[in-house]
Protein backbone atom coordinates (compact mmCIF):
# COMPACT_ATOMS: atom_id res chain seq x y z
CA MET A 1 171.47 -95.56 5.10
CA THR A 2 168.27 -94.09 3.65
CA SER A 3 164.87 -93.99 5.31
CA VAL A 4 161.58 -94.06 3.39
CA SER A 5 160.80 -90.45 4.26
CA GLU A 6 164.10 -89.42 2.67
CA THR A 7 163.46 -91.32 -0.55
CA SER A 8 159.77 -90.62 -1.09
CA GLY A 9 160.40 -87.36 -2.91
CA THR A 10 157.04 -85.97 -1.69
CA SER A 11 156.04 -83.43 0.95
CA ASN A 12 153.21 -85.64 2.18
CA SER A 13 155.11 -88.19 4.27
CA SER A 14 152.50 -88.81 6.98
CA THR A 15 152.12 -92.40 5.86
CA ALA A 16 155.87 -92.96 5.90
CA ALA A 17 156.21 -91.29 9.31
CA THR A 18 153.95 -93.90 10.92
CA LYS A 19 155.95 -96.78 9.46
CA PRO A 20 158.89 -98.52 11.12
CA SER A 21 162.40 -97.60 9.99
CA PHE A 22 162.74 -98.35 6.28
CA THR A 23 166.24 -98.79 4.90
CA GLN A 24 166.77 -99.65 1.25
CA HIS A 25 170.40 -98.63 0.83
CA ASP A 26 173.07 -99.99 3.14
CA PRO A 27 176.55 -100.49 1.64
CA SER A 28 177.73 -102.06 4.89
CA ARG A 29 175.55 -105.12 4.31
CA VAL A 30 177.33 -107.98 2.51
CA ILE A 31 175.18 -111.12 2.29
CA ARG A 32 176.38 -114.60 1.44
CA ALA A 33 174.36 -117.78 1.90
CA ASP A 34 175.57 -120.31 4.43
CA ARG A 35 177.30 -123.40 3.07
CA GLY A 36 177.68 -126.93 4.37
CA THR A 37 175.40 -129.34 6.18
CA GLU A 38 174.92 -127.48 9.47
CA ILE A 39 171.66 -125.51 9.58
CA THR A 40 170.31 -122.77 11.83
CA ALA A 41 166.65 -123.21 10.86
CA LYS A 42 164.54 -126.04 12.27
CA SER A 43 164.58 -128.08 9.05
CA TRP A 44 165.95 -128.01 5.52
CA GLN A 45 162.49 -127.00 4.33
CA THR A 46 163.01 -123.60 6.00
CA GLU A 47 166.80 -123.45 5.76
CA ALA A 48 166.42 -123.70 1.96
CA PRO A 49 164.35 -120.52 1.38
CA LYS A 50 166.60 -118.65 3.81
CA ARG A 51 169.78 -119.65 1.95
CA MET A 52 168.18 -118.88 -1.40
CA LEU A 53 167.07 -115.41 -0.23
CA MET A 54 170.63 -114.80 0.91
CA ASN A 55 172.01 -116.19 -2.34
CA ASN A 56 169.91 -113.70 -4.32
CA LEU A 57 171.79 -110.92 -2.52
CA ASP A 58 175.27 -112.41 -2.85
CA PRO A 59 177.55 -109.80 -4.53
CA GLU A 60 178.44 -112.45 -7.11
CA VAL A 61 174.74 -112.76 -8.01
CA ALA A 62 172.95 -109.44 -7.49
CA GLU A 63 173.29 -106.26 -9.54
CA ARG A 64 173.07 -103.87 -6.55
CA PRO A 65 172.93 -105.98 -3.41
CA GLU A 66 173.42 -102.96 -1.15
CA ASP A 67 170.02 -101.75 -2.44
CA LEU A 68 168.44 -105.24 -2.27
CA VAL A 69 168.26 -105.13 -6.10
CA VAL A 70 168.90 -108.50 -7.71
CA TYR A 71 168.41 -107.73 -11.42
CA GLY A 72 166.31 -105.82 -13.93
CA GLY A 73 167.07 -102.39 -12.54
CA THR A 74 164.59 -102.51 -9.62
CA GLY A 75 163.84 -106.20 -8.99
CA ARG A 76 164.30 -106.70 -5.25
CA ALA A 77 164.63 -109.72 -2.96
CA ALA A 78 163.05 -107.88 0.01
CA ARG A 79 161.35 -104.53 0.48
CA SER A 80 163.80 -103.16 3.04
CA TRP A 81 166.73 -104.31 5.12
CA GLU A 82 164.43 -104.38 8.15
CA ALA A 83 162.06 -106.69 6.23
CA TYR A 84 165.00 -108.86 5.14
CA ASP A 85 166.15 -109.29 8.75
CA ALA A 86 162.63 -110.16 9.86
CA ILE A 87 162.27 -112.76 7.09
CA VAL A 88 165.55 -114.45 8.04
CA ARG A 89 164.67 -114.39 11.74
CA THR A 90 161.24 -115.89 11.09
CA LEU A 91 162.53 -118.63 8.78
CA ASP A 92 164.98 -119.72 11.48
CA ASP A 93 162.07 -120.10 13.89
CA LEU A 94 159.41 -121.50 11.52
CA GLU A 95 157.90 -124.92 12.23
CA ASP A 96 157.13 -127.55 9.57
CA ASP A 97 153.40 -126.90 9.93
CA GLU A 98 153.62 -123.11 9.61
CA THR A 99 153.60 -120.79 6.60
CA LEU A 100 155.27 -117.38 6.36
CA LEU A 101 153.38 -114.81 4.26
CA ILE A 102 155.37 -112.25 2.24
CA GLN A 103 153.56 -109.21 0.78
CA SER A 104 155.74 -107.33 -1.70
CA GLY A 105 158.96 -108.20 0.08
CA LYS A 106 157.69 -107.70 3.63
CA PRO A 107 156.82 -110.50 6.09
CA VAL A 108 153.26 -109.85 7.25
CA GLY A 109 152.25 -112.99 9.13
CA VAL A 110 152.79 -116.62 10.09
CA MET A 111 149.89 -119.04 9.78
CA ARG A 112 149.47 -122.56 11.15
CA THR A 113 148.95 -124.84 8.13
CA HIS A 114 150.29 -128.41 7.65
CA GLU A 115 153.43 -130.22 6.51
CA TRP A 116 152.28 -130.46 2.87
CA ALA A 117 151.62 -126.70 2.71
CA PRO A 118 154.34 -124.31 1.46
CA ARG A 119 156.62 -122.91 4.13
CA VAL A 120 156.47 -119.52 2.36
CA LEU A 121 153.81 -117.86 0.21
CA ILE A 122 154.85 -114.73 -1.69
CA ALA A 123 152.85 -112.07 -3.56
CA ASN A 124 154.81 -109.22 -5.17
CA SER A 125 153.83 -106.07 -7.03
CA ASN A 126 150.19 -107.09 -7.60
CA LEU A 127 147.87 -104.17 -8.33
CA VAL A 128 144.16 -104.07 -9.19
CA GLY A 129 143.64 -103.54 -12.92
CA ASP A 130 142.68 -99.86 -13.06
CA TRP A 131 145.66 -99.00 -10.81
CA ALA A 132 148.17 -101.31 -12.53
CA ASN A 133 150.48 -98.68 -13.98
CA TRP A 134 153.99 -97.42 -13.26
CA GLU A 135 152.76 -94.11 -11.87
CA HIS A 136 150.68 -95.70 -9.11
CA PHE A 137 153.25 -98.39 -8.43
CA ARG A 138 156.05 -95.84 -8.03
CA LYS A 139 153.96 -93.77 -5.64
CA LEU A 140 153.45 -96.81 -3.42
CA GLU A 141 157.08 -97.83 -3.78
CA SER A 142 158.30 -94.37 -2.78
CA GLU A 143 156.17 -94.60 0.36
CA GLY A 144 157.63 -97.98 1.29
CA LEU A 145 154.37 -99.82 0.59
CA MET A 146 155.39 -102.05 -2.34
CA MET A 147 158.38 -103.38 -4.23
CA TYR A 148 159.04 -104.76 -7.71
CA GLY A 149 159.73 -108.48 -7.50
CA GLN A 150 160.69 -109.10 -11.14
CA MET A 151 160.38 -112.89 -11.60
CA THR A 152 163.04 -114.78 -9.66
CA ALA A 153 164.35 -111.82 -7.64
CA GLY A 154 161.40 -111.54 -5.28
CA SER A 155 160.80 -115.30 -5.26
CA TRP A 156 164.37 -116.18 -4.18
CA ILE A 157 165.37 -118.54 -7.00
CA TYR A 158 167.64 -116.34 -9.12
CA ILE A 159 170.85 -118.15 -10.10
CA ALA A 160 172.60 -115.22 -11.81
CA THR A 161 173.16 -115.13 -15.55
CA GLN A 162 173.13 -118.90 -15.99
CA GLY A 163 169.40 -118.78 -15.26
CA ILE A 164 168.65 -116.87 -18.45
CA LEU A 165 171.53 -118.42 -20.38
CA GLN A 166 169.78 -121.74 -20.92
CA GLY A 167 166.59 -120.15 -22.26
CA THR A 168 168.58 -117.78 -24.46
CA TYR A 169 170.65 -120.70 -25.74
CA GLU A 170 167.40 -122.53 -26.54
CA THR A 171 166.02 -119.49 -28.37
CA PHE A 172 169.06 -118.97 -30.58
CA GLY A 173 169.16 -122.72 -31.18
CA ALA A 174 165.55 -122.54 -32.38
CA ILE A 175 166.46 -119.68 -34.73
CA ALA A 176 169.33 -121.75 -36.09
CA ARG A 177 167.00 -124.69 -36.76
CA LYS A 178 164.30 -122.49 -38.28
CA ARG A 179 166.43 -120.47 -40.68
CA TYR A 180 170.11 -121.44 -40.74
CA ASN A 181 170.26 -125.23 -41.10
CA GLY A 182 170.75 -125.87 -37.41
CA THR A 183 173.76 -123.63 -36.72
CA LEU A 184 174.51 -119.92 -36.44
CA ALA A 185 177.99 -120.40 -37.88
CA GLY A 186 178.43 -117.80 -40.62
CA THR A 187 175.84 -115.43 -39.15
CA LEU A 188 176.05 -112.10 -37.31
CA THR A 189 173.68 -111.15 -34.49
CA ILE A 190 173.42 -107.57 -33.23
CA THR A 191 171.70 -106.91 -29.92
CA GLY A 192 171.64 -104.51 -26.97
CA GLY A 193 171.73 -104.87 -23.20
CA CYS A 194 174.45 -106.81 -21.38
CA GLY A 195 173.18 -106.60 -17.80
CA GLY A 196 171.89 -109.30 -15.48
CA MET A 197 169.56 -110.81 -18.08
CA GLY A 198 170.91 -109.59 -21.42
CA GLY A 199 174.42 -110.70 -20.45
CA ALA A 200 173.50 -114.23 -21.50
CA GLN A 201 173.10 -113.24 -25.15
CA PRO A 202 176.71 -113.23 -26.42
CA LEU A 203 177.56 -116.67 -25.02
CA SER A 204 174.23 -118.08 -26.24
CA VAL A 205 175.06 -116.94 -29.76
CA THR A 206 178.60 -118.28 -29.70
CA LEU A 207 177.51 -121.61 -28.21
CA ASN A 208 175.32 -121.91 -31.30
CA GLY A 209 178.32 -121.09 -33.52
CA GLY A 210 177.59 -117.47 -34.41
CA ALA A 211 179.22 -114.06 -34.20
CA CYS A 212 177.62 -111.44 -31.95
CA LEU A 213 177.93 -107.68 -31.47
CA ILE A 214 176.28 -106.60 -28.20
CA ILE A 215 175.84 -102.91 -27.35
CA ASP A 216 175.64 -101.52 -23.82
CA VAL A 217 175.86 -97.99 -22.45
CA ASP A 218 177.73 -99.16 -19.36
CA LYS A 219 181.26 -100.46 -19.95
CA THR A 220 181.36 -102.06 -16.49
CA ARG A 221 178.59 -104.46 -17.53
CA LEU A 222 180.53 -105.52 -20.61
CA ASP A 223 183.72 -105.91 -18.59
CA ARG A 224 181.91 -108.03 -16.03
CA ARG A 225 180.57 -110.37 -18.71
CA LYS A 226 184.03 -110.63 -20.22
CA SER A 227 185.48 -111.53 -16.83
CA LYS A 228 182.90 -114.32 -16.52
CA ARG A 229 183.67 -115.58 -20.08
CA TYR A 230 180.16 -114.78 -21.32
CA LEU A 231 181.71 -112.20 -23.66
CA ASP A 232 184.96 -112.49 -25.62
CA GLU A 233 186.05 -108.89 -26.22
CA VAL A 234 185.09 -105.29 -25.37
CA GLU A 235 185.54 -102.34 -27.75
CA THR A 236 184.77 -98.63 -27.59
CA ASP A 237 185.25 -97.99 -31.32
CA ILE A 238 182.44 -99.00 -33.69
CA ASP A 239 184.76 -99.51 -36.69
CA THR A 240 186.97 -101.94 -34.79
CA ALA A 241 184.01 -103.81 -33.27
CA LEU A 242 182.24 -104.25 -36.62
CA ALA A 243 185.41 -105.34 -38.38
CA LYS A 244 186.01 -108.06 -35.79
CA VAL A 245 182.52 -109.57 -35.89
CA ILE A 246 182.25 -109.42 -39.68
CA GLU A 247 185.60 -111.17 -40.03
CA ALA A 248 184.37 -113.82 -37.59
CA LYS A 249 181.19 -114.25 -39.62
CA LYS A 250 183.14 -114.74 -42.85
CA ASN A 251 185.36 -117.35 -41.17
CA LYS A 252 182.36 -119.05 -39.52
CA GLN A 253 184.01 -118.34 -36.19
CA ALA A 254 182.11 -118.07 -32.90
CA LEU A 255 183.03 -114.66 -31.47
CA SER A 256 181.29 -112.08 -29.31
CA VAL A 257 182.28 -108.42 -29.07
CA GLY A 258 180.81 -105.87 -26.69
CA LEU A 259 180.56 -102.29 -27.94
CA VAL A 260 180.18 -99.39 -25.50
CA GLY A 261 177.38 -97.19 -26.80
CA ASN A 262 173.65 -96.52 -26.79
CA ALA A 263 171.77 -98.99 -29.01
CA ALA A 264 169.25 -96.28 -29.91
CA GLU A 265 172.14 -94.41 -31.56
CA VAL A 266 174.34 -97.30 -32.71
CA LEU A 267 171.69 -99.36 -34.55
CA PRO A 268 170.59 -96.49 -36.85
CA MET A 269 174.27 -95.68 -37.38
CA ILE A 270 174.96 -99.24 -38.56
CA LEU A 271 171.94 -99.11 -40.88
CA ASP A 272 173.59 -96.24 -42.74
CA ARG A 273 176.84 -98.17 -43.24
CA PRO A 274 177.76 -100.85 -45.81
CA GLU A 275 178.24 -103.31 -42.93
CA ALA A 276 174.45 -103.39 -42.45
CA ALA A 277 174.27 -105.99 -45.25
CA GLU A 278 176.21 -108.41 -43.02
CA VAL A 279 173.62 -108.39 -40.22
CA ASP A 280 171.52 -111.56 -40.04
CA ILE A 281 169.74 -111.37 -36.67
CA VAL A 282 168.67 -108.39 -34.54
CA THR A 283 167.12 -108.39 -31.08
CA ASP A 284 167.44 -106.53 -27.76
CA GLN A 285 167.49 -107.15 -24.01
CA THR A 286 167.92 -103.70 -22.53
CA SER A 287 165.80 -102.95 -19.44
CA ALA A 288 163.13 -101.37 -21.63
CA HIS A 289 160.31 -102.79 -19.47
CA ASP A 290 161.02 -99.93 -17.04
CA PRO A 291 161.66 -96.62 -18.86
CA LEU A 292 163.68 -95.34 -15.90
CA SER A 293 166.12 -98.21 -16.46
CA TYR A 294 166.62 -97.36 -20.16
CA LEU A 295 169.16 -94.62 -20.87
CA PRO A 296 167.82 -92.00 -23.33
CA ILE A 297 169.98 -90.52 -26.06
CA GLY A 298 171.77 -87.47 -24.73
CA VAL A 299 171.97 -88.56 -21.08
CA SER A 300 175.30 -89.79 -19.74
CA VAL A 301 175.66 -92.93 -17.64
CA ASP A 302 176.97 -90.80 -14.76
CA ASP A 303 173.85 -88.59 -14.78
CA TRP A 304 171.39 -91.44 -15.41
CA HIS A 305 169.95 -92.13 -11.97
CA GLU A 306 169.98 -88.52 -10.81
CA GLU A 307 167.99 -87.36 -13.83
CA ALA A 308 165.55 -90.27 -13.52
CA GLU A 309 164.90 -89.42 -9.86
CA GLN A 310 164.58 -85.67 -10.41
CA ASP A 311 161.82 -85.89 -13.02
CA ALA A 312 160.59 -89.44 -13.68
CA GLU A 313 157.85 -88.29 -16.07
CA LYS A 314 160.19 -86.29 -18.30
CA PHE A 315 162.81 -89.05 -18.21
CA THR A 316 160.18 -91.63 -19.22
CA ILE A 317 159.16 -89.56 -22.25
CA ARG A 318 162.80 -89.20 -23.33
CA ALA A 319 163.42 -92.92 -22.84
CA GLU A 320 160.35 -93.84 -24.91
CA GLU A 321 161.44 -91.48 -27.69
CA SER A 322 164.84 -93.18 -27.76
CA MET A 323 163.19 -96.59 -27.76
CA ALA A 324 161.16 -95.52 -30.78
CA LYS A 325 164.41 -94.80 -32.67
CA HIS A 326 165.81 -98.11 -31.44
CA VAL A 327 162.76 -100.10 -32.58
CA GLN A 328 162.55 -98.24 -35.88
CA ALA A 329 166.08 -99.40 -36.67
CA MET A 330 165.11 -102.98 -35.77
CA VAL A 331 162.11 -102.82 -38.11
CA GLU A 332 164.28 -101.46 -40.91
CA PHE A 333 166.76 -104.30 -40.43
CA GLN A 334 163.79 -106.66 -40.85
CA ASP A 335 162.81 -104.79 -44.03
CA ARG A 336 166.26 -105.65 -45.36
CA GLY A 337 165.81 -109.37 -44.65
CA ALA A 338 167.24 -109.85 -41.15
CA GLU A 339 165.61 -112.13 -38.58
CA VAL A 340 164.29 -109.68 -35.98
CA PHE A 341 162.44 -110.41 -32.74
CA ASP A 342 161.42 -108.85 -29.44
CA TYR A 343 163.13 -110.63 -26.56
CA GLY A 344 160.46 -110.00 -23.97
CA ASN A 345 161.40 -106.59 -22.57
CA SER A 346 158.33 -104.76 -23.96
CA ILE A 347 160.42 -102.36 -26.02
CA ARG A 348 157.86 -102.50 -28.83
CA ASP A 349 155.08 -101.15 -26.63
CA GLU A 350 157.28 -98.37 -25.28
CA ALA A 351 158.09 -97.40 -28.88
CA ARG A 352 154.37 -97.47 -29.70
CA LYS A 353 153.71 -95.10 -26.81
CA ALA A 354 156.22 -92.69 -28.34
CA GLY A 355 154.22 -92.71 -31.58
CA TYR A 356 156.11 -95.23 -33.74
CA GLU A 357 153.32 -96.94 -35.68
CA ARG A 358 155.33 -99.93 -36.97
CA ALA A 359 156.53 -101.04 -33.55
CA PHE A 360 154.77 -104.42 -33.62
CA GLU A 361 155.83 -105.44 -37.12
CA PHE A 362 158.35 -107.94 -35.74
CA PRO A 363 157.28 -110.79 -33.44
CA GLY A 364 158.09 -111.71 -29.87
CA PHE A 365 160.43 -114.65 -29.34
CA VAL A 366 157.83 -116.97 -27.81
CA PRO A 367 155.38 -117.12 -30.75
CA ALA A 368 158.30 -117.05 -33.18
CA TYR A 369 160.39 -119.87 -31.70
CA ILE A 370 159.39 -121.21 -28.27
CA ARG A 371 155.67 -122.01 -28.32
CA PRO A 372 156.10 -125.52 -29.81
CA LEU A 373 158.29 -126.32 -26.79
CA PHE A 374 155.68 -124.91 -24.41
CA CYS A 375 153.09 -127.24 -25.94
CA GLU A 376 155.14 -130.14 -24.58
CA GLY A 377 155.45 -128.61 -21.12
CA LEU A 378 159.09 -127.89 -21.87
CA GLY A 379 160.62 -125.10 -19.92
CA PRO A 380 163.27 -124.03 -17.42
CA PHE A 381 164.15 -126.55 -14.70
CA ARG A 382 166.81 -125.21 -12.33
CA TRP A 383 168.46 -126.58 -9.23
CA VAL A 384 170.90 -125.34 -6.58
CA ALA A 385 173.33 -127.18 -4.30
CA LEU A 386 172.60 -125.90 -0.80
CA SER A 387 175.91 -127.37 0.35
CA GLY A 388 177.81 -124.83 -1.73
CA ASP A 389 179.92 -127.70 -3.08
CA PRO A 390 180.36 -127.70 -6.89
CA LYS A 391 180.88 -131.47 -6.75
CA ASP A 392 177.17 -131.86 -5.97
CA ILE A 393 176.33 -130.23 -9.32
CA GLU A 394 178.82 -132.54 -11.06
CA VAL A 395 176.91 -135.49 -9.60
CA THR A 396 173.55 -134.17 -10.79
CA ASP A 397 174.87 -133.40 -14.29
CA LYS A 398 176.19 -136.95 -14.65
CA ALA A 399 172.98 -138.43 -13.24
CA LEU A 400 170.80 -136.43 -15.66
CA LYS A 401 172.80 -137.64 -18.63
CA GLU A 402 172.27 -141.22 -17.48
CA LEU A 403 168.56 -140.58 -16.86
CA PHE A 404 168.02 -139.18 -20.37
CA PRO A 405 170.68 -141.00 -22.45
CA GLU A 406 169.13 -140.18 -25.85
CA ASN A 407 168.62 -136.46 -25.30
CA GLU A 408 171.62 -135.19 -27.26
CA HIS A 409 170.51 -131.56 -26.99
CA LEU A 410 170.45 -131.84 -23.19
CA HIS A 411 173.88 -133.50 -23.16
CA ASN A 412 175.34 -130.75 -25.36
CA TRP A 413 173.97 -128.09 -23.05
CA LEU A 414 175.26 -129.75 -19.86
CA ASP A 415 178.71 -130.14 -21.43
CA ALA A 416 178.73 -126.50 -22.53
CA ALA A 417 177.55 -125.29 -19.12
CA ASN A 418 180.26 -127.33 -17.41
CA GLU A 419 182.90 -125.75 -19.64
CA TYR A 420 181.74 -122.13 -19.81
CA VAL A 421 179.53 -121.36 -16.82
CA GLU A 422 181.31 -120.03 -13.77
CA PHE A 423 179.19 -120.52 -10.66
CA GLU A 424 178.02 -117.28 -9.05
CA GLY A 425 176.87 -117.68 -5.47
CA LEU A 426 175.66 -121.17 -4.60
CA PRO A 427 176.52 -123.69 -7.35
CA ALA A 428 173.53 -124.15 -9.65
CA ARG A 429 172.46 -125.61 -12.95
CA ILE A 430 169.53 -125.20 -15.33
CA CYS A 431 168.21 -127.15 -18.30
CA TRP A 432 164.92 -127.46 -20.14
CA LEU A 433 162.76 -130.49 -19.31
CA GLY A 434 159.14 -131.24 -20.16
CA TYR A 435 156.00 -132.84 -18.79
CA LYS A 436 156.70 -136.28 -17.29
CA GLU A 437 160.46 -135.51 -17.33
CA ARG A 438 160.84 -132.98 -14.52
CA GLN A 439 159.49 -135.28 -11.82
CA GLN A 440 161.92 -137.99 -12.91
CA ALA A 441 164.80 -135.57 -12.37
CA GLY A 442 163.44 -134.39 -9.02
CA LEU A 443 162.99 -137.91 -7.70
CA LEU A 444 166.49 -138.82 -8.88
CA PHE A 445 167.99 -135.85 -7.03
CA ASN A 446 166.07 -136.75 -3.88
CA GLN A 447 167.39 -140.32 -4.10
CA LEU A 448 170.96 -139.05 -4.52
CA VAL A 449 170.56 -136.95 -1.36
CA ALA A 450 169.08 -139.92 0.53
CA GLU A 451 171.98 -142.15 -0.51
CA GLY A 452 174.58 -139.57 0.51
CA LYS A 453 175.90 -139.17 -3.05
CA ILE A 454 175.02 -135.48 -2.73
CA SER A 455 176.23 -133.86 0.48
CA ALA A 456 173.18 -131.69 1.26
CA PRO A 457 169.65 -131.12 -0.07
CA ILE A 458 169.01 -129.71 -3.53
CA VAL A 459 166.65 -126.82 -4.21
CA ILE A 460 164.58 -127.30 -7.38
CA GLY A 461 162.77 -124.41 -9.04
CA ARG A 462 162.34 -122.63 -12.33
CA ASP A 463 162.03 -119.26 -13.95
CA HIS A 464 158.52 -117.82 -13.97
CA LEU A 465 158.93 -117.81 -17.75
CA ASP A 466 157.42 -121.25 -18.27
CA SER A 467 154.81 -122.94 -20.37
CA GLY A 468 151.84 -122.62 -18.00
CA SER A 469 152.77 -120.07 -15.37
CA VAL A 470 152.46 -116.70 -17.14
CA ALA A 471 149.92 -114.38 -18.68
CA SER A 472 152.04 -111.90 -20.62
CA PRO A 473 150.57 -110.63 -23.92
CA TYR A 474 153.88 -109.11 -25.05
CA ARG A 475 155.91 -112.22 -24.29
CA GLU A 476 154.88 -115.73 -23.15
CA THR A 477 151.25 -115.49 -24.24
CA GLU A 478 151.65 -113.23 -27.25
CA SER A 479 149.48 -114.27 -30.23
CA MET A 480 147.79 -117.25 -28.59
CA LEU A 481 145.87 -119.32 -31.11
CA ASP A 482 142.48 -118.57 -29.51
CA GLY A 483 143.17 -114.93 -28.64
CA THR A 484 143.51 -115.51 -24.88
CA ASP A 485 146.78 -113.55 -24.63
CA ALA A 486 145.67 -111.49 -21.62
CA VAL A 487 143.72 -114.13 -19.66
CA ALA A 488 145.38 -114.20 -16.23
CA ASP A 489 143.47 -117.18 -14.79
CA TRP A 490 146.24 -119.57 -15.83
CA PRO A 491 149.12 -118.35 -13.63
CA LEU A 492 146.71 -118.08 -10.70
CA LEU A 493 145.59 -121.69 -11.25
CA ASN A 494 149.24 -122.65 -11.58
CA ALA A 495 150.08 -121.09 -8.21
CA MET A 496 147.12 -122.78 -6.53
CA VAL A 497 147.97 -126.17 -8.02
CA ASN A 498 151.57 -125.85 -6.88
CA THR A 499 150.46 -124.78 -3.40
CA SER A 500 148.28 -127.90 -3.31
CA SER A 501 151.01 -130.20 -4.65
CA GLY A 502 153.77 -129.87 -2.08
CA ALA A 503 155.91 -126.89 -3.14
CA THR A 504 158.14 -125.48 -0.41
CA TRP A 505 157.44 -121.92 -1.52
CA VAL A 506 155.11 -120.41 -4.12
CA SER A 507 154.90 -116.89 -5.52
CA ILE A 508 152.54 -114.75 -7.60
CA HIS A 509 154.03 -111.64 -9.17
CA HIS A 510 152.89 -108.81 -11.41
CA GLY A 511 154.92 -107.17 -14.15
CA GLY A 512 158.17 -109.12 -14.08
CA GLY A 513 160.22 -108.91 -17.27
CA VAL A 514 157.82 -106.66 -19.17
CA GLY A 515 156.66 -104.09 -16.62
CA ILE A 516 153.70 -103.07 -14.48
CA GLY A 517 150.34 -103.69 -16.14
CA ARG A 518 151.66 -106.23 -18.64
CA SER A 519 151.90 -109.61 -16.92
CA ILE A 520 150.89 -111.92 -14.08
CA HIS A 521 153.18 -114.87 -13.37
CA ALA A 522 153.74 -117.57 -10.78
CA GLY A 523 156.75 -119.45 -9.45
CA GLN A 524 157.35 -122.55 -7.39
CA VAL A 525 160.36 -124.00 -5.55
CA SER A 526 160.80 -127.34 -3.79
CA VAL A 527 163.47 -129.04 -1.71
CA ALA A 528 164.83 -132.52 -2.36
CA ASP A 529 166.00 -133.34 1.17
CA GLY A 530 166.18 -137.12 0.77
CA THR A 531 163.03 -137.92 2.77
CA GLU A 532 160.06 -140.03 1.69
CA LEU A 533 157.77 -137.03 2.20
CA ALA A 534 159.90 -134.95 -0.17
CA ALA A 535 159.70 -137.72 -2.78
CA LYS A 536 155.90 -137.71 -2.60
CA LYS A 537 155.77 -133.94 -2.91
CA LEU A 538 158.25 -133.81 -5.79
CA ALA A 539 156.38 -136.49 -7.75
CA ARG A 540 153.15 -134.48 -7.67
CA LEU A 541 154.54 -130.97 -7.89
CA LEU A 542 156.92 -131.64 -10.78
CA THR A 543 154.20 -133.46 -12.69
CA ASN A 544 151.44 -130.92 -12.12
CA ASP A 545 153.47 -127.75 -12.67
CA PRO A 546 154.56 -128.44 -16.28
CA GLY A 547 151.24 -130.20 -16.82
CA MET A 548 149.62 -126.78 -16.47
CA GLY A 549 151.54 -125.71 -19.56
CA VAL A 550 150.21 -128.61 -21.57
CA ILE A 551 146.56 -128.06 -20.64
CA ARG A 552 146.96 -124.28 -21.16
CA HIS A 553 147.92 -124.95 -24.76
CA VAL A 554 145.38 -127.76 -25.22
CA ASP A 555 142.69 -125.29 -24.18
CA ALA A 556 144.01 -122.73 -26.67
CA GLY A 557 143.73 -125.24 -29.52
CA TYR A 558 147.32 -126.31 -30.18
CA ASP A 559 147.38 -129.75 -31.81
CA ARG A 560 150.83 -130.62 -30.45
CA ALA A 561 149.67 -129.97 -26.89
CA SER A 562 146.70 -132.31 -27.41
CA GLU A 563 149.03 -134.96 -28.77
CA VAL A 564 151.30 -134.64 -25.72
CA ALA A 565 148.32 -134.80 -23.37
CA GLU A 566 147.11 -138.00 -25.00
CA GLU A 567 150.57 -139.59 -25.25
CA ARG A 568 151.38 -138.91 -21.59
CA GLY A 569 148.03 -139.65 -20.01
CA MET A 570 146.71 -136.19 -19.12
CA ARG A 571 143.02 -135.79 -18.28
CA VAL A 572 141.15 -132.84 -19.85
CA PRO A 573 137.40 -133.13 -19.03
CA MET A 574 135.83 -131.30 -22.01
CA ILE A 575 137.80 -133.16 -24.68
CA PRO A 576 136.35 -136.68 -24.93
CA GLU A 577 139.53 -138.41 -26.11
CA LEU A 578 141.45 -136.84 -23.21
CA ASP A 579 138.81 -137.37 -20.53
CA LYS A 580 140.39 -140.45 -18.96
CA ARG A 581 142.23 -141.09 -15.73
CA ASP A 582 146.01 -141.32 -15.63
CA GLU A 583 146.43 -144.37 -13.40
CA GLU A 584 150.20 -143.90 -13.18
CA SER A 585 149.92 -140.42 -11.71
CA ALA A 586 147.01 -141.45 -9.50
CA ALA A 587 149.19 -144.14 -7.94
CA GLN A 588 151.93 -141.72 -6.94
């Protein structure tokens, strides 16, 4: 076990010395969420966040659970093991009119509120503007004063790779519709990063019919994805890997091959080969948002973490230089006619820092493919069976198909998920639903719990990557029509609306997905426990939350968002044709 004074790496440890014991590494701790209908908390509204916190640290779910790291290199569920134990203990004792406050992974207080208030409020990694940089964050982190919450790691609603799989599937589906007549059959995608988030890429490509070569420095990541059927094959030889995916492309076969290597070296190497002409799509999901989590050229996997810890500044410079080579190759693939996009890991900005002037010549995935969906309030809707029984997910899948009988895209996804997705931790599912759809699903789930058709309550949440919950100029809000890419009022309003609308827990994070200084985002989670009170909360929360996405895009001037607002009865005071009351929502 490691104390904060041992990990700070500084001689000035007076602050750490006054703190309680601070353990971030404990290989003896193996966490698994409780299953079944018996609870140890005082209600399902507090049992749910406890089980979801535990589920985030399940070895099937988390990247390094012994370090409290869920995904993204440093995204933690709690600041320390002592903080984790205190959170669990407090949730077991929390009343239905009390709220637990979490500050960067540490429980700091319990307040008397009311039954409609969230049971947990979470703020992770938030720094004042002038101090919002990796250097200051890492100083605080090394002293045990802050942690990186990523998006769903520190807000306890991560559902392993399936969580990103749906959004990745949607993105590649949008590319297929935009450029390849609705299918990726007969195309080859090359990408990098097969970890907790990037591991969704190969299956997302093959589900859309394409061939995929995915590069990762760590063979164990590729092997893990193969064992979960997210990846078909793993190769260590570039000639063999390229031959397999090109043959698959020619035969219009869906096939994914993982290649062990560093994308910053492999992509330029492919550019110099005749096979480069076969490449149709290029992207990347390495952990480039945090330079210490990106392996520079010339550093071995075995030496990675030691070198990063010994000299973080030097390692960062080397990582950024490698990212510049990586991004340069992506730009040159675009020059040759490939579809190239940034997949939200801020690799373009890291390449810019290293002096590569063309880094932003290819777009981010949101403005390129996803923004029309955001205008409709469409985004990730995920749910988890607290019972631990996969049959409960089968019931919800069937019920959703019946609720939306004409949504063929949704049906195709649910069928594919049922066939290919192996549950990791508590059984879960995700799909994309829009404004005035999510509350229908939530109320249906609550009814199924009330009728006993589902054996225990269902947790309903989403990724922070949603239509109205993020300010992220290099990802979700890149190239907004009115130039409001960096306006952070929207996720803050989103969090306040969700707090006021009956969410069970609400979070505000900084930096998730793209790194410190580059985003503010909010999350919400609710519990369908079968009660009338839960139904009232779900109706308002799951209407208002995606509704924030619609009004965000109405305000920015998107015509489709205004059409959706008018069609579905949304009130927007400064637009005369939208300044009318929605009687249906008012009656809920």
